[in-house]
């Protein structure tokens, strides 16, 4: 009998997160273009945020497809909160819907969306001696 190890499947609650999540409830807005090119928007409230992602809940029923690019911004009066990541205090952030929350039975629309903030990752500053020589083309 041949025994092979079966990899265990990590659930979202046990898998490592990219950023440190903070539970913050502040109003925001999502804007996107639908398949026909029409501009759409919806008011949202954040449930939790990090430097690279956020989960938002829609205030009214909205249907945004998975992997849709959206612009996410926190409403102006809430942008000065110290708990918010710096990227969300600056204004609109291009984001991608990477997970759709559970659906509401009453409306048939998702309860919320997980957004990946498409921002340049913060890199540790390195000195030129550590980084190594730079190649120059003729």
Protein backbone atom coordinates (compact mmCIF):
# COMPACT_ATOMS: atom_id res chain seq x y z
CA UNK A 1 0.00 0.00 0.00
CA UNK A 2 1.47 3.36 -1.06
CA UNK A 3 0.86 6.27 1.33
CA UNK A 4 1.25 9.76 0.05
CA UNK A 5 0.90 12.97 1.97
CA UNK A 6 -2.11 15.03 1.03
CA UNK A 7 -1.46 18.74 1.39
CA UNK A 8 -3.77 20.43 3.83
CA UNK A 9 -5.82 23.22 2.44
CA UNK A 10 -5.50 26.53 4.22
CA UNK A 11 -8.66 28.46 4.83
CA UNK A 12 -8.68 32.25 4.56
CA UNK A 13 -8.68 32.52 8.34
CA UNK A 14 -5.48 30.46 8.69
CA UNK A 15 -3.56 31.70 5.66
CA UNK A 16 -1.04 34.48 6.09
CA UNK A 17 -2.26 37.94 5.17
CA UNK A 18 -0.14 40.36 3.19
CA UNK A 19 -0.80 43.41 5.35
CA UNK A 20 -1.75 44.10 8.94
CA UNK A 21 -5.52 44.46 8.98
CA UNK A 22 -7.16 47.22 11.00
CA UNK A 23 -10.88 47.17 11.77
CA UNK A 24 -12.00 50.62 10.69
CA UNK A 25 -15.49 51.69 9.65
CA UNK A 26 -15.31 54.83 7.51
CA UNK A 27 -17.42 55.91 4.54
CA UNK A 28 -16.01 55.63 1.04
CA UNK A 29 -16.93 55.38 -2.61
CA UNK A 30 -16.27 52.93 -5.43
CA UNK A 31 -16.42 54.07 -9.05
CA UNK A 32 -16.06 51.87 -12.14
CA UNK A 33 -17.16 51.48 -15.73
CA UNK A 34 -19.58 48.70 -16.53
CA UNK A 35 -19.40 46.43 -19.58
CA UNK A 36 -21.20 49.05 -21.69
CA UNK A 37 -18.77 51.80 -20.66
CA UNK A 38 -21.21 53.65 -18.38
CA UNK A 39 -19.73 55.18 -15.23
CA UNK A 40 -21.11 53.57 -12.06
CA UNK A 41 -20.57 54.38 -8.40
CA UNK A 42 -21.69 53.14 -5.00
CA UNK A 43 -21.24 54.36 -1.43
CA UNK A 44 -19.46 51.89 0.83
CA UNK A 45 -18.27 51.53 4.41
CA UNK A 46 -14.94 49.90 5.15
CA UNK A 47 -14.92 46.89 7.43
CA UNK A 48 -11.17 46.43 7.60
CA UNK A 49 -8.19 47.92 5.78
CA UNK A 50 -4.45 47.39 5.38
CA UNK A 51 -1.68 48.96 3.29
CA UNK A 52 -2.53 46.68 0.34
CA UNK A 53 -6.19 45.68 0.60
CA UNK A 54 -9.58 46.53 2.06
CA UNK A 55 -12.97 44.94 2.56
CA UNK A 56 -15.94 47.22 1.92
CA UNK A 57 -19.67 46.79 2.40
CA UNK A 58 -22.08 48.49 0.00
CA UNK A 59 -24.77 50.77 1.38
CA UNK A 60 -27.16 49.93 -1.47
CA UNK A 61 -27.34 46.84 -3.69
CA UNK A 62 -24.56 46.84 -6.29
CA UNK A 63 -23.24 44.14 -8.55
CA UNK A 64 -19.55 44.47 -9.36
CA UNK A 65 -17.94 41.56 -11.23
CA UNK A 66 -14.94 39.72 -9.86
CA UNK A 67 -11.57 41.15 -11.06
CA UNK A 68 -13.18 44.46 -12.13
CA UNK A 69 -10.90 47.48 -11.79
CA UNK A 70 -12.45 50.15 -9.58
CA UNK A 71 -11.37 53.45 -8.06
CA UNK A 72 -11.68 53.43 -4.28
CA UNK A 73 -11.59 56.52 -2.13
CA UNK A 74 -12.36 57.39 1.46
CA UNK A 75 -14.80 60.30 1.88
CA UNK A 76 -12.98 63.57 2.56
CA UNK A 77 -14.02 64.15 6.22
CA UNK A 78 -12.62 60.73 7.24
CA UNK A 79 -9.28 60.93 5.39
CA UNK A 80 -7.48 62.53 8.34
CA UNK A 81 -7.87 59.51 10.61
CA UNK A 82 -4.48 58.37 11.88
CA UNK A 83 -5.58 54.72 11.77
CA UNK A 84 -6.03 54.82 7.98
CA UNK A 85 -3.09 53.68 5.87
CA UNK A 86 -1.34 56.57 4.11
CA UNK A 87 -2.35 55.30 0.67
CA UNK A 88 -6.05 55.72 1.55
CA UNK A 89 -5.58 59.24 2.93
CA UNK A 90 -4.30 60.57 -0.40
CA UNK A 91 -7.47 60.21 -2.51
CA UNK A 92 -8.46 57.76 -5.26
CA UNK A 93 -6.68 54.42 -5.37
CA UNK A 94 -6.95 52.09 -8.36
CA UNK A 95 -8.05 48.72 -7.01
CA UNK A 96 -9.19 45.30 -8.21
CA UNK A 97 -12.10 43.30 -6.83
CA UNK A 98 -10.46 40.02 -5.85
CA UNK A 99 -13.17 38.47 -3.69
CA UNK A 100 -16.94 38.87 -3.62
CA UNK A 101 -18.60 38.50 -0.22
CA UNK A 102 -21.60 36.31 0.54
CA UNK A 103 -24.84 37.22 -1.21
CA UNK A 104 -27.83 38.77 0.56
CA UNK A 105 -30.90 36.61 0.11
CA UNK A 106 -33.25 39.61 -0.04
CA UNK A 107 -31.53 41.46 -2.90
CA UNK A 108 -29.37 38.78 -4.51
CA UNK A 109 -26.34 41.10 -4.42
CA UNK A 110 -23.09 40.65 -2.49
CA UNK A 111 -22.75 41.99 1.04
CA UNK A 112 -19.31 43.34 0.26
CA UNK A 113 -16.13 43.23 -1.79
CA UNK A 114 -12.48 42.58 -1.02
CA UNK A 115 -10.28 45.05 -2.89
CA UNK A 116 -6.60 44.73 -3.72
CA UNK A 117 -5.13 48.23 -3.72
CA UNK A 118 -2.93 48.52 -6.80
CA UNK A 119 -0.13 50.53 -5.22
CA UNK A 120 3.64 50.30 -5.39
CA UNK A 121 4.85 48.17 -2.45
CA UNK A 122 6.98 49.93 0.13
CA UNK A 123 10.55 48.80 -0.35
CA UNK A 124 13.29 48.94 2.24
CA UNK A 125 15.85 51.57 1.43
CA UNK A 126 19.17 50.02 0.44
CA UNK A 127 22.49 51.73 0.18
CA UNK A 128 24.33 51.59 -3.19
CA UNK A 129 27.01 49.37 -1.64
CA UNK A 130 24.45 46.75 -0.70
CA UNK A 131 22.51 46.95 -3.96
CA UNK A 132 25.53 46.13 -6.10
CA UNK A 133 26.78 47.64 -9.33
CA UNK A 134 24.42 48.89 -12.01
CA UNK A 135 24.95 47.62 -15.57
CA UNK A 136 25.13 50.31 -18.24
CA UNK A 137 24.36 49.60 -21.89
CA UNK A 138 26.42 51.22 -24.65
